[in-house]
Amino acid sequence: MRRGARRASLRGTMRPFHLRLPPTLDSVTALQDALEAWSDEAGLPMPVAMRLALVAEEVAANVANHATGASYFEFGAKVESEGIRLSLVDDGPEYDPLAHAAPDTEAPLEDRDPGGLGIHLVRTMTRGAAYARESGLNRLTCTLPVEG
């Protein structure tokens, strides 16, 4: 099947994914389990499902580990013409993970500042990553390509 035809077929039959959880590491695991079931139901190719799981884990773990005071996070995924549109919303303190420069992955480990590799992976594996603070909520959105 051609990739474009596969994508159109997924878009027409795949229900959007949405899950709201408390910002804990146990919730990151629950999110992973739910996304695995959704990916299987959708018939996502394994490489796409694996990239989806990694991106979801990185952004949800960031909230669980660093969003002091957050009471929840919501993760959503919806197949659109350009790929799987992902969103993460939380009610923690304002924090734009995209505002930080990409880490220098060529520098020796001892010369690097800690952190930043998770959002670097998100930027690398997705397209159109954007952050907004709206109505007291952090909103991170991006699109995961289905092909490749």
Protein backbone atom coordinates (compact mmCIF):
# COMPACT_ATOMS: atom_id res chain seq x y z
CA MET A 1 0.00 0.00 0.00
CA ARG A 2 1.27 3.46 -0.79
CA ARG A 3 2.16 5.60 2.25
CA GLY A 4 -0.31 8.35 1.38
CA ALA A 5 -3.12 5.81 1.06
CA ARG A 6 -2.17 4.25 4.41
CA ARG A 7 -2.19 7.66 6.09
CA ALA A 8 -5.61 8.55 4.64
CA SER A 9 -6.97 5.20 5.79
CA LEU A 10 -5.65 5.75 9.32
CA ARG A 11 -7.08 9.26 9.46
CA GLY A 12 -10.52 8.02 8.51
CA THR A 13 -10.72 5.16 11.00
CA MET A 14 -8.50 6.07 13.93
CA ARG A 15 -10.11 7.62 16.98
CA PRO A 16 -8.22 10.47 18.64
CA PHE A 17 -6.29 9.58 21.77
CA HIS A 18 -6.75 11.60 24.96
CA LEU A 19 -5.67 10.81 28.50
CA ARG A 20 -5.58 13.00 31.63
CA LEU A 21 -3.41 11.79 34.50
CA PRO A 22 -1.73 13.06 37.68
CA PRO A 23 1.87 14.15 37.06
CA THR A 24 3.66 11.09 38.44
CA LEU A 25 6.12 8.59 37.02
CA ASP A 26 3.47 5.87 37.44
CA SER A 27 1.27 7.97 35.16
CA VAL A 28 4.02 8.04 32.54
CA THR A 29 3.91 4.23 32.55
CA ALA A 30 0.11 4.26 32.30
CA LEU A 31 0.36 6.66 29.36
CA GLN A 32 2.84 4.34 27.63
CA ASP A 33 0.52 1.36 28.09
CA ALA A 34 -2.50 3.25 26.74
CA LEU A 35 -0.55 4.58 23.74
CA GLU A 36 0.70 1.08 22.94
CA ALA A 37 -2.90 -0.16 22.82
CA TRP A 38 -3.95 2.83 20.66
CA SER A 39 -1.02 2.27 18.28
CA ASP A 40 -1.89 -1.43 17.95
CA GLU A 41 -5.56 -0.61 17.32
CA ALA A 42 -4.55 1.88 14.64
CA GLY A 43 -2.11 -0.50 13.00
CA LEU A 44 0.71 2.02 13.24
CA PRO A 45 3.97 0.73 11.79
CA MET A 46 6.33 -0.31 14.58
CA PRO A 47 8.88 2.47 13.92
CA VAL A 48 6.13 5.11 14.16
CA ALA A 49 4.67 3.54 17.32
CA MET A 50 8.14 3.48 18.90
CA ARG A 51 8.79 7.16 18.07
CA LEU A 52 5.34 8.04 19.44
CA ALA A 53 6.10 6.20 22.69
CA LEU A 54 9.48 7.91 23.07
CA VAL A 55 8.14 11.42 22.44
CA ALA A 56 5.22 10.84 24.83
CA GLU A 57 7.52 9.48 27.53
CA GLU A 58 9.91 12.42 27.25
CA VAL A 59 7.29 15.16 27.49
CA ALA A 60 5.21 13.45 30.20
CA ALA A 61 8.27 12.60 32.31
CA ASN A 62 9.36 16.23 32.06
CA VAL A 63 6.08 17.29 33.69
CA ALA A 64 6.24 14.49 36.29
CA ASN A 65 9.81 15.35 37.26
CA HIS A 66 9.89 19.13 37.00
CA ALA A 67 6.41 20.74 37.03
CA THR A 68 6.23 21.36 40.78
CA GLY A 69 2.66 22.18 41.72
CA ALA A 70 1.03 20.66 38.64
CA SER A 71 -2.09 18.63 39.43
CA TYR A 72 -2.39 16.90 36.05
CA PHE A 73 -1.16 16.51 32.51
CA GLU A 74 -3.18 15.66 29.43
CA PHE A 75 -1.72 13.94 26.40
CA GLY A 76 -3.52 13.88 23.09
CA ALA A 77 -2.83 12.39 19.67
CA LYS A 78 -4.82 12.74 16.48
CA VAL A 79 -4.01 11.57 12.97
CA GLU A 80 -4.04 14.46 10.51
CA SER A 81 -2.91 14.77 6.91
CA GLU A 82 0.66 15.75 7.87
CA GLY A 83 1.11 13.09 10.57
CA ILE A 84 0.05 12.46 14.16
CA ARG A 85 -0.66 15.76 15.92
CA LEU A 86 0.49 15.53 19.54
CA SER A 87 -0.39 17.78 22.44
CA LEU A 88 0.64 17.95 26.07
CA VAL A 89 -1.15 20.27 28.48
CA ASP A 90 -0.35 20.74 32.16
CA ASP A 91 -1.32 23.19 34.90
CA GLY A 92 2.16 23.55 36.37
CA PRO A 93 4.23 26.73 36.54
CA GLU A 94 4.91 28.45 33.24
CA TYR A 95 7.76 26.70 31.45
CA ASP A 96 8.65 26.77 27.77
CA PRO A 97 10.95 23.81 27.07
CA LEU A 98 11.53 25.09 23.53
CA ALA A 99 13.04 28.36 24.78
CA HIS A 100 16.32 26.65 25.60
CA ALA A 101 19.07 26.16 23.07
CA ALA A 102 19.63 22.66 21.75
CA PRO A 103 22.38 20.83 23.62
CA ASP A 104 25.76 20.48 21.98
CA THR A 105 25.74 16.74 21.40
CA GLU A 106 29.24 16.92 19.94
CA ALA A 107 30.80 18.31 23.14
CA PRO A 108 32.45 15.91 25.60
CA LEU A 109 30.08 14.82 28.37
CA GLU A 110 32.10 16.59 31.06
CA ASP A 111 31.65 19.91 29.20
CA ARG A 112 27.88 19.65 28.77
CA ASP A 113 25.20 21.14 30.98
CA PRO A 114 22.84 18.49 32.37
CA GLY A 115 19.40 18.12 30.83
CA GLY A 116 17.89 19.15 27.56
CA LEU A 117 18.32 15.88 25.69
CA GLY A 118 14.64 14.90 26.01
CA ILE A 119 13.33 18.03 24.33
CA HIS A 120 16.17 17.71 21.80
CA LEU A 121 14.77 14.28 20.89
CA VAL A 122 11.27 15.74 20.59
CA ARG A 123 12.53 18.49 18.28
CA THR A 124 14.47 15.97 16.20
CA MET A 125 11.69 13.38 15.90
CA THR A 126 8.77 15.75 15.29
CA ARG A 127 7.89 18.76 13.19
CA GLY A 128 6.46 22.13 14.12
CA ALA A 129 7.00 21.96 17.87
CA ALA A 130 5.34 24.94 19.54
CA TYR A 131 4.71 26.13 23.09
CA ALA A 132 2.03 28.45 24.41
CA ARG A 133 0.90 29.55 27.86
CA GLU A 134 -2.87 29.95 27.73
CA SER A 135 -5.36 30.40 30.57
CA GLY A 136 -2.77 29.33 33.13
CA LEU A 137 -1.85 26.17 31.22
CA ASN A 138 1.31 25.05 29.45
CA ARG A 139 0.58 23.71 25.94
CA LEU A 140 3.19 21.90 23.90
CA THR A 141 2.21 20.73 20.42
CA CYS A 142 4.07 19.01 17.60
CA THR A 143 3.49 16.62 14.71
CA LEU A 144 5.01 13.16 14.47
CA PRO A 145 5.57 12.17 10.83
CA VAL A 146 3.92 8.85 9.92
CA GLU A 147 6.27 7.97 7.10
CA GLY A 148 9.91 7.12 7.51
